[in-house]
Amino acid sequence: MTHRWDRMDETIGRVEDALVVTFLGFMIFIAFLQIILRNVFSTGLDWGDSLLRNLVLWIGFIGATLATKEGKHINIDVLSRWLPPVGKNVVTLVIHLFSFLVCCALTYATLKFIRNEVQMGQNTFLDIPAWIPEMILPMTFSLMTFRFGLRFFKSLFTMGKRDLPHDPEKET
């Protein structure tokens, strides 16, 4: 069952990789275009700087989900150096559960934020409602919630399998 979730996570990861590359390329193009337009033609794209700020936000948050996927997120690992393997497994389980709960809370908070932004009706670049580019917040926090939940259940199941006594009769 977990295998299916892993494949889905890998597929999402490939989409995230493609988005980061695409957005970064587009960002470089728009920034270069802005420089040329300002220095050569004394003009520029009115919406260019706002678009670039939003793309930085999107790339940063997508990067955070990729770091979560690869296990390269911020991690303070002082206690587990002195713990036995079972203790390390328990600490890992608690960390994944805590991260899952924090990301759940942040997903909920960003959804409330988006709801407020919709009610305020402000617009951003190209007269796009401000809440549309801000949707990256709940999307990425919900994805991180999924990934930490997946890690929690993987840790729980692998810890349970390791702790069970070996019964050779059940294998035949």
Protein backbone atom coordinates (compact mmCIF):
# COMPACT_ATOMS: atom_id res chain seq x y z
CA MET A 1 0.00 0.00 0.00
CA THR A 2 2.81 2.37 0.83
CA HIS A 3 4.36 1.68 -2.57
CA ARG A 4 1.47 3.45 -4.32
CA TRP A 5 1.96 6.52 -2.11
CA ASP A 6 5.69 6.52 -2.86
CA ARG A 7 5.01 6.47 -6.60
CA MET A 8 2.57 9.35 -6.23
CA ASP A 9 5.18 11.28 -4.20
CA GLU A 10 7.80 10.63 -6.90
CA THR A 11 5.42 11.86 -9.61
CA ILE A 12 4.67 15.01 -7.64
CA GLY A 13 8.42 15.47 -7.16
CA ARG A 14 9.01 15.34 -10.92
CA VAL A 15 6.28 17.97 -11.45
CA GLU A 16 7.90 20.14 -8.76
CA ASP A 17 11.31 19.80 -10.43
CA ALA A 18 9.82 20.83 -13.78
CA LEU A 19 8.03 23.80 -12.20
CA VAL A 20 11.19 25.05 -10.48
CA VAL A 21 13.20 24.82 -13.71
CA THR A 22 10.43 26.48 -15.75
CA PHE A 23 9.81 29.27 -13.24
CA LEU A 24 13.52 29.92 -12.77
CA GLY A 25 14.06 30.11 -16.53
CA PHE A 26 11.09 32.44 -16.94
CA MET A 27 12.30 34.55 -14.01
CA ILE A 28 15.76 34.94 -15.58
CA PHE A 29 14.16 35.87 -18.91
CA ILE A 30 11.87 38.52 -17.36
CA ALA A 31 14.71 39.98 -15.24
CA PHE A 32 16.99 40.14 -18.31
CA LEU A 33 14.19 41.72 -20.35
CA GLN A 34 13.61 44.31 -17.62
CA ILE A 35 17.31 45.23 -17.60
CA ILE A 36 17.40 45.61 -21.39
CA LEU A 37 14.16 47.61 -21.49
CA ARG A 38 15.29 49.95 -18.70
CA ASN A 39 18.86 50.53 -19.84
CA VAL A 40 18.38 50.59 -23.61
CA PHE A 41 14.82 51.86 -24.08
CA SER A 42 14.25 53.75 -20.77
CA THR A 43 11.08 51.79 -20.12
CA GLY A 44 10.11 48.49 -18.54
CA LEU A 45 7.29 46.13 -17.76
CA ASP A 46 5.06 47.68 -15.10
CA TRP A 47 4.13 44.24 -13.80
CA GLY A 48 7.60 42.68 -14.17
CA ASP A 49 8.93 43.34 -10.66
CA SER A 50 5.75 42.12 -9.00
CA LEU A 51 5.79 38.98 -11.13
CA LEU A 52 9.42 38.34 -10.18
CA ARG A 53 8.62 38.69 -6.46
CA ASN A 54 5.81 36.18 -6.79
CA LEU A 55 8.00 33.76 -8.74
CA VAL A 56 10.64 33.97 -6.00
CA LEU A 57 7.89 33.06 -3.51
CA TRP A 58 6.75 30.12 -5.66
CA ILE A 59 10.28 28.81 -6.24
CA GLY A 60 11.09 29.11 -2.54
CA PHE A 61 8.02 27.21 -1.40
CA ILE A 62 8.32 24.55 -4.08
CA GLY A 63 11.96 24.19 -3.03
CA ALA A 64 10.79 23.69 0.55
CA THR A 65 8.52 20.83 -0.51
CA LEU A 66 11.37 19.26 -2.49
CA ALA A 67 13.63 19.55 0.56
CA THR A 68 10.93 17.81 2.60
CA LYS A 69 10.65 15.07 -0.02
CA GLU A 70 14.39 14.45 -0.01
CA GLY A 71 14.71 14.73 3.78
CA LYS A 72 16.95 17.80 3.47
CA HIS A 73 14.76 20.15 5.47
CA ILE A 74 16.04 21.87 8.60
CA ASN A 75 16.78 19.20 11.16
CA ILE A 76 18.22 19.53 14.66
CA ASP A 77 19.60 16.14 15.59
CA VAL A 78 21.40 16.43 18.93
CA LEU A 79 19.59 13.89 21.07
CA SER A 80 19.67 10.88 18.75
CA ARG A 81 23.48 10.59 18.83
CA TRP A 82 23.35 9.08 22.30
CA LEU A 83 20.23 6.98 21.91
CA PRO A 84 20.06 3.26 21.13
CA PRO A 85 18.47 2.30 17.77
CA VAL A 86 14.99 1.86 19.30
CA GLY A 87 15.25 5.30 20.91
CA LYS A 88 16.33 6.83 17.59
CA ASN A 89 13.32 5.23 15.91
CA VAL A 90 10.97 6.65 18.54
CA VAL A 91 12.51 10.12 18.22
CA THR A 92 12.19 9.93 14.43
CA LEU A 93 8.57 8.88 14.78
CA VAL A 94 7.81 11.79 17.16
CA ILE A 95 9.61 14.28 14.89
CA HIS A 96 7.62 13.15 11.85
CA LEU A 97 4.36 13.34 13.81
CA PHE A 98 5.21 16.80 15.17
CA SER A 99 6.19 18.04 11.68
CA PHE A 100 2.96 16.59 10.28
CA LEU A 101 0.89 18.42 12.92
CA VAL A 102 2.74 21.72 12.41
CA CYS A 103 2.22 21.50 8.64
CA CYS A 104 -1.48 20.70 9.23
CA ALA A 105 -1.79 23.85 11.33
CA LEU A 106 0.06 25.92 8.73
CA THR A 107 -2.14 24.56 5.94
CA TYR A 108 -5.22 25.54 7.92
CA ALA A 109 -3.78 29.02 8.68
CA THR A 110 -2.87 29.66 5.04
CA LEU A 111 -6.34 28.58 3.89
CA LYS A 112 -7.83 31.13 6.29
CA PHE A 113 -5.37 33.70 4.93
CA ILE A 114 -6.46 32.95 1.36
CA ARG A 115 -10.13 33.22 2.36
CA ASN A 116 -9.41 36.69 3.82
CA GLU A 117 -7.51 37.71 0.70
CA VAL A 118 -10.47 36.68 -1.47
CA GLN A 119 -12.80 38.79 0.69
CA MET A 120 -10.47 41.81 0.50
CA GLY A 121 -10.45 41.65 -3.30
CA GLN A 122 -6.99 43.12 -3.89
CA ASN A 123 -5.24 42.66 -7.20
CA THR A 124 -1.59 42.14 -8.09
CA PHE A 125 0.34 42.19 -11.37
CA LEU A 126 -1.71 42.23 -14.58
CA ASP A 127 -4.82 42.85 -12.44
CA ILE A 128 -4.78 39.23 -11.20
CA PRO A 129 -6.49 38.75 -7.82
CA ALA A 130 -3.78 38.67 -5.12
CA TRP A 131 -5.00 35.37 -3.69
CA ILE A 132 -4.18 33.44 -6.89
CA PRO A 133 -0.36 33.65 -6.65
CA GLU A 134 -0.67 33.25 -2.86
CA MET A 135 -2.27 29.81 -3.36
CA ILE A 136 1.27 28.42 -3.32
CA LEU A 137 1.15 28.70 0.48
CA PRO A 138 -1.65 26.20 1.24
CA MET A 139 -0.63 23.99 -1.69
CA THR A 140 2.93 23.54 -0.47
CA PHE A 141 2.03 23.23 3.21
CA SER A 142 -0.54 20.56 2.37
CA LEU A 143 2.07 18.74 0.29
CA MET A 144 4.53 18.91 3.18
CA THR A 145 1.76 17.61 5.45
CA PHE A 146 1.30 14.67 3.09
CA ARG A 147 5.02 13.95 3.01
CA PHE A 148 5.52 14.13 6.77
CA GLY A 149 2.42 11.96 7.26
CA LEU A 150 3.84 9.45 4.80
CA ARG A 151 7.15 9.43 6.65
CA PHE A 152 5.37 9.04 9.99
CA PHE A 153 3.44 5.98 8.82
CA LYS A 154 6.51 4.49 7.15
CA SER A 155 8.48 4.94 10.38
CA LEU A 156 5.61 3.49 12.40
CA PHE A 157 5.26 0.40 10.20
CA THR A 158 9.00 -0.25 9.88
CA MET A 159 9.47 0.23 13.62
CA GLY A 160 6.63 -2.21 14.29
CA LYS A 161 8.10 -4.80 11.91
CA ARG A 162 11.54 -4.54 13.50
CA ASP A 163 10.16 -4.89 17.01
CA LEU A 164 8.16 -8.04 16.27
CA PRO A 165 9.79 -11.34 17.23
CA HIS A 166 10.96 -13.46 14.30
CA ASP A 167 8.77 -16.55 13.72
CA PRO A 168 10.24 -18.81 11.01
CA GLU A 169 7.11 -21.02 10.86
CA LYS A 170 5.01 -18.13 9.50
CA GLU A 171 7.37 -17.64 6.56
CA THR A 172 6.75 -21.12 5.11
